[in-house]
Protein backbone atom coordinates (compact mmCIF):
# COMPACT_ATOMS: atom_id res chain seq x y z
CA UNK A 1 0.00 0.00 0.00
CA UNK A 2 1.33 3.43 -0.88
CA UNK A 3 1.81 6.04 1.79
CA UNK A 4 -0.95 8.63 1.98
CA UNK A 5 -0.20 12.31 1.88
CA UNK A 6 -1.47 14.55 4.64
CA UNK A 7 -5.17 15.23 4.41
CA UNK A 8 -6.15 12.65 1.85
CA UNK A 9 -7.65 9.91 4.02
CA UNK A 10 -11.38 9.99 4.70
CA UNK A 11 -13.83 8.18 6.97
CA UNK A 12 -17.28 8.23 5.37
CA UNK A 13 -20.65 6.69 6.10
CA UNK A 14 -21.76 4.29 3.40
CA UNK A 15 -25.36 3.70 2.24
CA UNK A 16 -25.13 0.25 3.85
CA UNK A 17 -24.85 1.98 7.25
CA UNK A 18 -21.24 1.07 7.99
CA UNK A 19 -18.16 3.29 7.57
CA UNK A 20 -15.47 3.28 4.90
CA UNK A 21 -11.84 4.38 5.15
CA UNK A 22 -10.61 5.57 1.80
CA UNK A 23 -7.90 7.63 0.20
CA UNK A 24 -8.63 10.63 -1.98
CA UNK A 25 -9.49 9.74 -5.60
CA UNK A 26 -9.85 6.04 -4.77
CA UNK A 27 -12.76 4.11 -6.23
CA UNK A 28 -12.85 1.55 -3.43
CA UNK A 29 -12.56 1.66 0.32
CA UNK A 30 -9.28 0.59 1.93
CA UNK A 31 -11.32 -1.01 4.71
CA UNK A 32 -14.73 -0.79 6.35
CA UNK A 33 -15.97 -0.91 9.94
CA UNK A 34 -19.37 -1.16 11.62
CA UNK A 35 -18.94 2.09 13.60
CA UNK A 36 -17.36 5.45 12.98
CA UNK A 37 -15.06 5.05 15.99
CA UNK A 38 -13.75 1.70 14.73
CA UNK A 39 -13.23 3.15 11.24
CA UNK A 40 -11.24 6.06 12.70
CA UNK A 41 -9.09 3.61 14.69
CA UNK A 42 -8.43 1.54 11.55
CA UNK A 43 -7.56 4.68 9.56
CA UNK A 44 -5.12 5.83 12.23
CA UNK A 45 -3.49 2.39 12.30
CA UNK A 46 -3.26 2.12 8.49
CA UNK A 47 -2.07 5.72 8.00
CA UNK A 48 -0.25 6.72 11.22
CA UNK A 49 1.19 9.95 9.79
CA UNK A 50 -2.19 11.31 8.68
CA UNK A 51 -5.13 12.73 10.61
CA UNK A 52 -8.17 11.47 8.68
CA UNK A 53 -11.06 13.73 7.74
CA UNK A 54 -14.27 12.36 9.23
CA UNK A 55 -17.74 12.93 7.80
CA UNK A 56 -20.22 14.38 10.29
CA UNK A 57 -23.30 12.17 10.46
CA UNK A 58 -25.42 14.10 12.94
CA UNK A 59 -26.21 17.67 13.91
CA UNK A 60 -23.97 19.12 16.64
CA UNK A 61 -23.20 22.57 17.95
CA UNK A 62 -20.00 22.46 15.86
CA UNK A 63 -21.48 21.33 12.56
CA UNK A 64 -24.11 19.45 10.64
CA UNK A 65 -24.11 16.38 8.38
CA UNK A 66 -22.15 16.61 5.12
CA UNK A 67 -19.41 18.61 6.81
CA UNK A 68 -15.97 17.26 7.79
CA UNK A 69 -13.87 17.30 10.93
CA UNK A 70 -10.40 16.04 11.79
CA UNK A 71 -10.20 12.82 13.82
PDB file of N, CA and C in Angstrom:
ATOM      1  N   UNK A   1       0.838  -1.169   0.000  1.00  0.00           N
ATOM      2  CA  UNK A   1       0.000   0.000   0.000  1.00  0.00           C
ATOM      3  C   UNK A   1       0.888   1.239   0.000  1.00  0.00           C
ATOM      4  N   UNK A   2       0.532   2.211  -0.826  1.00  0.00           N
ATOM      5  CA  UNK A   2       1.330   3.434  -0.883  1.00  0.00           C
ATOM      6  C   UNK A   2       1.021   4.318   0.316  1.00  0.00           C
ATOM      7  N   UNK A   3       2.003   5.137   0.668  1.00  0.00           N
ATOM      8  CA  UNK A   3       1.812   6.043   1.792  1.00  0.00           C
ATOM      9  C   UNK A   3       0.897   7.177   1.381  1.00  0.00           C
ATOM     10  N   UNK A   4      -0.032   7.526   2.245  1.00  0.00           N
ATOM     11  CA  UNK A   4      -0.947   8.632   1.977  1.00  0.00           C
ATOM     12  C   UNK A   4      -0.282   9.950   2.301  1.00  0.00           C
ATOM     13  N   UNK A   5      -0.665  10.963   1.558  1.00  0.00           N
ATOM     14  CA  UNK A   5      -0.198  12.307   1.875  1.00  0.00           C
ATOM     15  C   UNK A   5      -1.139  12.910   2.895  1.00  0.00           C
ATOM     16  N   UNK A   6      -0.664  13.919   3.607  1.00  0.00           N
ATOM     17  CA  UNK A   6      -1.469  14.550   4.641  1.00  0.00           C
ATOM     18  C   UNK A   6      -2.789  15.061   4.071  1.00  0.00           C
ATOM     19  N   UNK A   7      -3.863  14.696   4.763  1.00  0.00           N
ATOM     20  CA  UNK A   7      -5.166  15.225   4.411  1.00  0.00           C
ATOM     21  C   UNK A   7      -5.920  14.470   3.343  1.00  0.00           C
ATOM     22  N   UNK A   8      -5.412  13.339   2.896  1.00  0.00           N
ATOM     23  CA  UNK A   8      -6.150  12.646   1.849  1.00  0.00           C
ATOM     24  C   UNK A   8      -6.659  11.273   2.262  1.00  0.00           C
ATOM     25  N   UNK A   9      -7.004  11.128   3.519  1.00  0.00           N
ATOM     26  CA  UNK A   9      -7.646   9.913   4.019  1.00  0.00           C
ATOM     27  C   UNK A   9      -8.975  10.333   4.644  1.00  0.00           C
ATOM     28  N   UNK A  10     -10.035   9.616   4.277  1.00  0.00           N
ATOM     29  CA  UNK A  10     -11.381   9.993   4.701  1.00  0.00           C
ATOM     30  C   UNK A  10     -12.101   8.821   5.363  1.00  0.00           C
ATOM     31  N   UNK A  11     -12.932   9.141   6.352  1.00  0.00           N
ATOM     32  CA  UNK A  11     -13.835   8.175   6.970  1.00  0.00           C
ATOM     33  C   UNK A  11     -15.239   8.658   6.626  1.00  0.00           C
ATOM     34  N   UNK A  12     -15.966   7.838   5.856  1.00  0.00           N
ATOM     35  CA  UNK A  12     -17.284   8.234   5.371  1.00  0.00           C
ATOM     36  C   UNK A  12     -18.326   7.176   5.703  1.00  0.00           C
ATOM     37  N   UNK A  13     -19.550   7.624   5.921  1.00  0.00           N
ATOM     38  CA  UNK A  13     -20.652   6.685   6.104  1.00  0.00           C
ATOM     39  C   UNK A  13     -21.104   6.193   4.737  1.00  0.00           C
ATOM     40  N   UNK A  14     -21.314   4.887   4.650  1.00  0.00           N
ATOM     41  CA  UNK A  14     -21.764   4.290   3.399  1.00  0.00           C
ATOM     42  C   UNK A  14     -23.272   4.085   3.432  1.00  0.00           C
ATOM     43  N   UNK A  15     -23.905   3.939   2.268  1.00  0.00           N
ATOM     44  CA  UNK A  15     -25.359   3.699   2.238  1.00  0.00           C
ATOM     45  C   UNK A  15     -25.770   2.437   3.004  1.00  0.00           C
ATOM     46  N   UNK A  16     -24.844   1.487   3.122  1.00  0.00           N
ATOM     47  CA  UNK A  16     -25.134   0.251   3.854  1.00  0.00           C
ATOM     48  C   UNK A  16     -25.225   0.479   5.359  1.00  0.00           C
ATOM     49  N   UNK A  17     -24.785   1.658   5.831  1.00  0.00           N
ATOM     50  CA  UNK A  17     -24.855   1.982   7.252  1.00  0.00           C
ATOM     51  C   UNK A  17     -23.539   1.811   7.985  1.00  0.00           C
ATOM     52  N   UNK A  18     -22.546   1.195   7.342  1.00  0.00           N
ATOM     53  CA  UNK A  18     -21.236   1.072   7.986  1.00  0.00           C
ATOM     54  C   UNK A  18     -20.356   2.227   7.524  1.00  0.00           C
ATOM     55  N   UNK A  19     -19.073   2.183   7.857  1.00  0.00           N
ATOM     56  CA  UNK A  19     -18.162   3.288   7.568  1.00  0.00           C
ATOM     57  C   UNK A  19     -16.976   2.799   6.749  1.00  0.00           C
ATOM     58  N   UNK A  20     -16.579   3.621   5.782  1.00  0.00           N
ATOM     59  CA  UNK A  20     -15.469   3.282   4.896  1.00  0.00           C
ATOM     60  C   UNK A  20     -14.283   4.190   5.180  1.00  0.00           C
ATOM     61  N   UNK A  21     -13.089   3.612   5.113  1.00  0.00           N
ATOM     62  CA  UNK A  21     -11.839   4.378   5.152  1.00  0.00           C
ATOM     63  C   UNK A  21     -11.320   4.364   3.731  1.00  0.00           C
ATOM     64  N   UNK A  22     -11.122   5.548   3.168  1.00  0.00           N
ATOM     65  CA  UNK A  22     -10.612   5.566   1.801  1.00  0.00           C
ATOM     66  C   UNK A  22      -9.678   6.736   1.572  1.00  0.00           C
ATOM     67  N   UNK A  23      -8.819   6.578   0.586  1.00  0.00           N
ATOM     68  CA  UNK A  23      -7.895   7.627   0.198  1.00  0.00           C
ATOM     69  C   UNK A  23      -8.542   8.472  -0.887  1.00  0.00           C
ATOM     70  N   UNK A  24      -8.111   9.719  -0.971  1.00  0.00           N
ATOM     71  CA  UNK A  24      -8.627  10.632  -1.976  1.00  0.00           C
ATOM     72  C   UNK A  24      -8.453  10.040  -3.372  1.00  0.00           C
ATOM     73  N   UNK A  25      -9.462  10.199  -4.209  1.00  0.00           N
ATOM     74  CA  UNK A  25      -9.492   9.743  -5.601  1.00  0.00           C
ATOM     75  C   UNK A  25      -9.570   8.223  -5.745  1.00  0.00           C
ATOM     76  N   UNK A  26      -9.733   7.496  -4.648  1.00  0.00           N
ATOM     77  CA  UNK A  26      -9.849   6.040  -4.768  1.00  0.00           C
ATOM     78  C   UNK A  26     -11.285   5.671  -5.127  1.00  0.00           C
ATOM     79  N   UNK A  27     -11.427   4.580  -5.860  1.00  0.00           N
ATOM     80  CA  UNK A  27     -12.756   4.107  -6.233  1.00  0.00           C
ATOM     81  C   UNK A  27     -13.320   3.150  -5.192  1.00  0.00           C
ATOM     82  N   UNK A  28     -12.426   2.535  -4.428  1.00  0.00           N
ATOM     83  CA  UNK A  28     -12.854   1.550  -3.434  1.00  0.00           C
ATOM     84  C   UNK A  28     -12.309   1.910  -2.066  1.00  0.00           C
ATOM     85  N   UNK A  29     -12.987   1.433  -1.053  1.00  0.00           N
ATOM     86  CA  UNK A  29     -12.556   1.664   0.321  1.00  0.00           C
ATOM     87  C   UNK A  29     -11.325   0.817   0.637  1.00  0.00           C
ATOM     88  N   UNK A  30     -10.433   1.362   1.450  1.00  0.00           N
ATOM     89  CA  UNK A  30      -9.280   0.591   1.927  1.00  0.00           C
ATOM     90  C   UNK A  30      -9.727  -0.456   2.920  1.00  0.00           C
ATOM     91  N   UNK A  31     -10.729  -0.094   3.736  1.00  0.00           N
ATOM     92  CA  UNK A  31     -11.318  -1.010   4.713  1.00  0.00           C
ATOM     93  C   UNK A  31     -12.665  -0.440   5.137  1.00  0.00           C
ATOM     94  N   UNK A  32     -13.455  -1.255   5.804  1.00  0.00           N
ATOM     95  CA  UNK A  32     -14.728  -0.793   6.354  1.00  0.00           C
ATOM     96  C   UNK A  32     -14.825  -1.224   7.807  1.00  0.00           C
ATOM     97  N   UNK A  33     -15.746  -0.571   8.532  1.00  0.00           N
ATOM     98  CA  UNK A  33     -15.965  -0.906   9.942  1.00  0.00           C
ATOM     99  C   UNK A  33     -17.428  -0.642  10.274  1.00  0.00           C
ATOM    100  N   UNK A  34     -17.951  -1.331  11.280  1.00  0.00           N
ATOM    101  CA  UNK A  34     -19.365  -1.164  11.618  1.00  0.00           C
ATOM    102  C   UNK A  34     -19.692   0.172  12.301  1.00  0.00           C
ATOM    103  N   UNK A  35     -18.697   0.805  12.921  1.00  0.00           N
ATOM    104  CA  UNK A  35     -18.943   2.085  13.597  1.00  0.00           C
ATOM    105  C   UNK A  35     -17.917   3.119  13.148  1.00  0.00           C
ATOM    106  N   UNK A  36     -18.274   4.380  13.333  1.00  0.00           N
ATOM    107  CA  UNK A  36     -17.361   5.455  12.979  1.00  0.00           C
ATOM    108  C   UNK A  36     -16.087   5.389  13.823  1.00  0.00           C
ATOM    109  N   UNK A  37     -16.219   5.118  15.102  1.00  0.00           N
ATOM    110  CA  UNK A  37     -15.061   5.055  15.994  1.00  0.00           C
ATOM    111  C   UNK A  37     -14.090   3.953  15.559  1.00  0.00           C
ATOM    112  N   UNK A  38     -14.617   2.795  15.180  1.00  0.00           N
ATOM    113  CA  UNK A  38     -13.754   1.703  14.729  1.00  0.00           C
ATOM    114  C   UNK A  38     -13.100   2.039  13.393  1.00  0.00           C
ATOM    115  N   UNK A  39     -13.814   2.737  12.524  1.00  0.00           N
ATOM    116  CA  UNK A  39     -13.232   3.149  11.245  1.00  0.00           C
ATOM    117  C   UNK A  39     -12.110   4.156  11.458  1.00  0.00           C
ATOM    118  N   UNK A  40     -12.291   5.081  12.389  1.00  0.00           N
ATOM    119  CA  UNK A  40     -11.242   6.058  12.704  1.00  0.00           C
ATOM    120  C   UNK A  40     -10.010   5.331  13.235  1.00  0.00           C
ATOM    121  N   UNK A  41     -10.220   4.371  14.132  1.00  0.00           N
ATOM    122  CA  UNK A  41      -9.095   3.610  14.692  1.00  0.00           C
ATOM    123  C   UNK A  41      -8.352   2.856  13.595  1.00  0.00           C
ATOM    124  N   UNK A  42      -9.081   2.248  12.666  1.00  0.00           N
ATOM    125  CA  UNK A  42      -8.434   1.540  11.555  1.00  0.00           C
ATOM    126  C   UNK A  42      -7.654   2.510  10.672  1.00  0.00           C
ATOM    127  N   UNK A  43      -8.239   3.676  10.397  1.00  0.00           N
ATOM    128  CA  UNK A  43      -7.563   4.675   9.562  1.00  0.00           C
ATOM    129  C   UNK A  43      -6.267   5.138  10.214  1.00  0.00           C
ATOM    130  N   UNK A  44      -6.315   5.373  11.514  1.00  0.00           N
ATOM    131  CA  UNK A  44      -5.116   5.829  12.225  1.00  0.00           C
ATOM    132  C   UNK A  44      -4.045   4.746  12.258  1.00  0.00           C
ATOM    133  N   UNK A  45      -4.456   3.491  12.306  1.00  0.00           N
ATOM    134  CA  UNK A  45      -3.486   2.392  12.299  1.00  0.00           C
ATOM    135  C   UNK A  45      -2.884   2.208  10.898  1.00  0.00           C
ATOM    136  N   UNK A  46      -3.728   2.314   9.867  1.00  0.00           N
ATOM    137  CA  UNK A  46      -3.257   2.123   8.495  1.00  0.00           C
ATOM    138  C   UNK A  46      -2.405   3.288   8.000  1.00  0.00           C
ATOM    139  N   UNK A  47      -2.746   4.502   8.448  1.00  0.00           N
ATOM    140  CA  UNK A  47      -2.073   5.720   7.996  1.00  0.00           C
ATOM    141  C   UNK A  47      -1.637   6.530   9.212  1.00  0.00           C
ATOM    142  N   UNK A  48      -0.609   6.090   9.937  1.00  0.00           N
ATOM    143  CA  UNK A  48      -0.251   6.719  11.215  1.00  0.00           C
ATOM    144  C   UNK A  48       0.234   8.160  11.108  1.00  0.00           C
ATOM    145  N   UNK A  49       0.687   8.584   9.944  1.00  0.00           N
ATOM    146  CA  UNK A  49       1.193   9.950   9.795  1.00  0.00           C
ATOM    147  C   UNK A  49       0.124  10.930   9.322  1.00  0.00           C
ATOM    148  N   UNK A  50      -1.115  10.477   9.217  1.00  0.00           N
ATOM    149  CA  UNK A  50      -2.191  11.309   8.677  1.00  0.00           C
ATOM    150  C   UNK A  50      -3.338  11.386   9.676  1.00  0.00           C
ATOM    151  N   UNK A  51      -3.900  12.572   9.826  1.00  0.00           N
ATOM    152  CA  UNK A  51      -5.132  12.727  10.606  1.00  0.00           C
ATOM    153  C   UNK A  51      -6.299  12.657   9.633  1.00  0.00           C
ATOM    154  N   UNK A  52      -7.099  11.605   9.677  1.00  0.00           N
ATOM    155  CA  UNK A  52      -8.166  11.473   8.676  1.00  0.00           C
ATOM    156  C   UNK A  52      -9.259  12.529   8.846  1.00  0.00           C
ATOM    157  N   UNK A  53      -9.875  12.882   7.726  1.00  0.00           N
ATOM    158  CA  UNK A  53     -11.058  13.732   7.740  1.00  0.00           C
ATOM    159  C   UNK A  53     -12.253  12.814   7.943  1.00  0.00           C
ATOM    160  N   UNK A  54     -13.140  13.202   8.872  1.00  0.00           N
ATOM    161  CA  UNK A  54     -14.269  12.358   9.234  1.00  0.00           C
ATOM    162  C   UNK A  54     -15.564  13.080   8.869  1.00  0.00           C
ATOM    163  N   UNK A  55     -16.441  12.365   8.183  1.00  0.00           N
ATOM    164  CA  UNK A  55     -17.735  12.928   7.801  1.00  0.00           C
ATOM    165  C   UNK A  55     -18.626  13.060   9.038  1.00  0.00           C
ATOM    166  N   UNK A  56     -19.251  14.208   9.199  1.00  0.00           N
ATOM    167  CA  UNK A  56     -20.223  14.378  10.285  1.00  0.00           C
ATOM    168  C   UNK A  56     -21.508  13.671   9.868  1.00  0.00           C
ATOM    169  N   UNK A  57     -22.086  12.918  10.786  1.00  0.00           N
ATOM    170  CA  UNK A  57     -23.296  12.174  10.462  1.00  0.00           C
ATOM    171  C   UNK A  57     -24.496  12.608  11.300  1.00  0.00           C
ATOM    172  N   UNK A  58     -24.303  13.600  12.142  1.00  0.00           N
ATOM    173  CA  UNK A  58     -25.420  14.101  12.938  1.00  0.00           C
ATOM    174  C   UNK A  58     -25.220  15.590  13.180  1.00  0.00           C
ATOM    175  N   UNK A  59     -26.286  16.249  13.606  1.00  0.00           N
ATOM    176  CA  UNK A  59     -26.207  17.672  13.915  1.00  0.00           C
ATOM    177  C   UNK A  59     -25.550  17.851  15.281  1.00  0.00           C
ATOM    178  N   UNK A  60     -24.605  18.775  15.364  1.00  0.00           N
ATOM    179  CA  UNK A  60     -23.969  19.115  16.636  1.00  0.00           C
ATOM    180  C   UNK A  60     -23.866  20.629  16.712  1.00  0.00           C
ATOM    181  N   UNK A  61     -23.387  21.130  17.841  1.00  0.00           N
ATOM    182  CA  UNK A  61     -23.203  22.571  17.951  1.00  0.00           C
ATOM    183  C   UNK A  61     -21.974  23.034  17.175  1.00  0.00           C
ATOM    184  N   UNK A  62     -21.191  22.108  16.647  1.00  0.00           N
ATOM    185  CA  UNK A  62     -20.002  22.460  15.862  1.00  0.00           C
ATOM    186  C   UNK A  62     -20.170  22.172  14.376  1.00  0.00           C
ATOM    187  N   UNK A  63     -21.290  21.626  13.975  1.00  0.00           N
ATOM    188  CA  UNK A  63     -21.483  21.334  12.562  1.00  0.00           C
ATOM    189  C   UNK A  63     -22.719  20.509  12.312  1.00  0.00           C
ATOM    190  N   UNK A  64     -22.961  20.237  11.052  1.00  0.00           N
ATOM    191  CA  UNK A  64     -24.114  19.449  10.637  1.00  0.00           C
ATOM    192  C   UNK A  64     -23.646  18.365   9.671  1.00  0.00           C
ATOM    193  N   UNK A  65     -24.516  17.420   9.324  1.00  0.00           N
ATOM    194  CA  UNK A  65     -24.113  16.376   8.382  1.00  0.00           C
ATOM    195  C   UNK A  65     -23.588  16.977   7.078  1.00  0.00           C
ATOM    196  N   UNK A  66     -22.791  16.208   6.383  1.00  0.00           N
ATOM    197  CA  UNK A  66     -22.148  16.607   5.123  1.00  0.00           C
ATOM    198  C   UNK A  66     -21.051  17.637   5.320  1.00  0.00           C
ATOM    199  N   UNK A  67     -20.596  17.807   6.536  1.00  0.00           N
ATOM    200  CA  UNK A  67     -19.411  18.607   6.811  1.00  0.00           C
ATOM    201  C   UNK A  67     -18.343  17.646   7.327  1.00  0.00           C
ATOM    202  N   UNK A  68     -17.093  18.114   7.407  1.00  0.00           N
ATOM    203  CA  UNK A  68     -15.974  17.263   7.788  1.00  0.00           C
ATOM    204  C   UNK A  68     -15.282  17.821   9.018  1.00  0.00           C
ATOM    205  N   UNK A  69     -14.677  16.914   9.780  1.00  0.00           N
ATOM    206  CA  UNK A  69     -13.875  17.296  10.928  1.00  0.00           C
ATOM    207  C   UNK A  69     -12.634  16.419  10.931  1.00  0.00           C
ATOM    208  N   UNK A  70     -11.613  16.857  11.636  1.00  0.00           N
ATOM    209  CA  UNK A  70     -10.400  16.044  11.793  1.00  0.00           C
ATOM    210  C   UNK A  70     -10.615  15.056  12.925  1.00  0.00           C
ATOM    211  N   UNK A  71     -10.094  13.849  12.770  1.00  0.00           N
ATOM    212  CA  UNK A  71     -10.205  12.823  13.817  1.00  0.00           C
ATOM    213  C   UNK A  71      -9.228  13.124  14.932  1.00  0.00           C
TER     214      UNK A  71
END
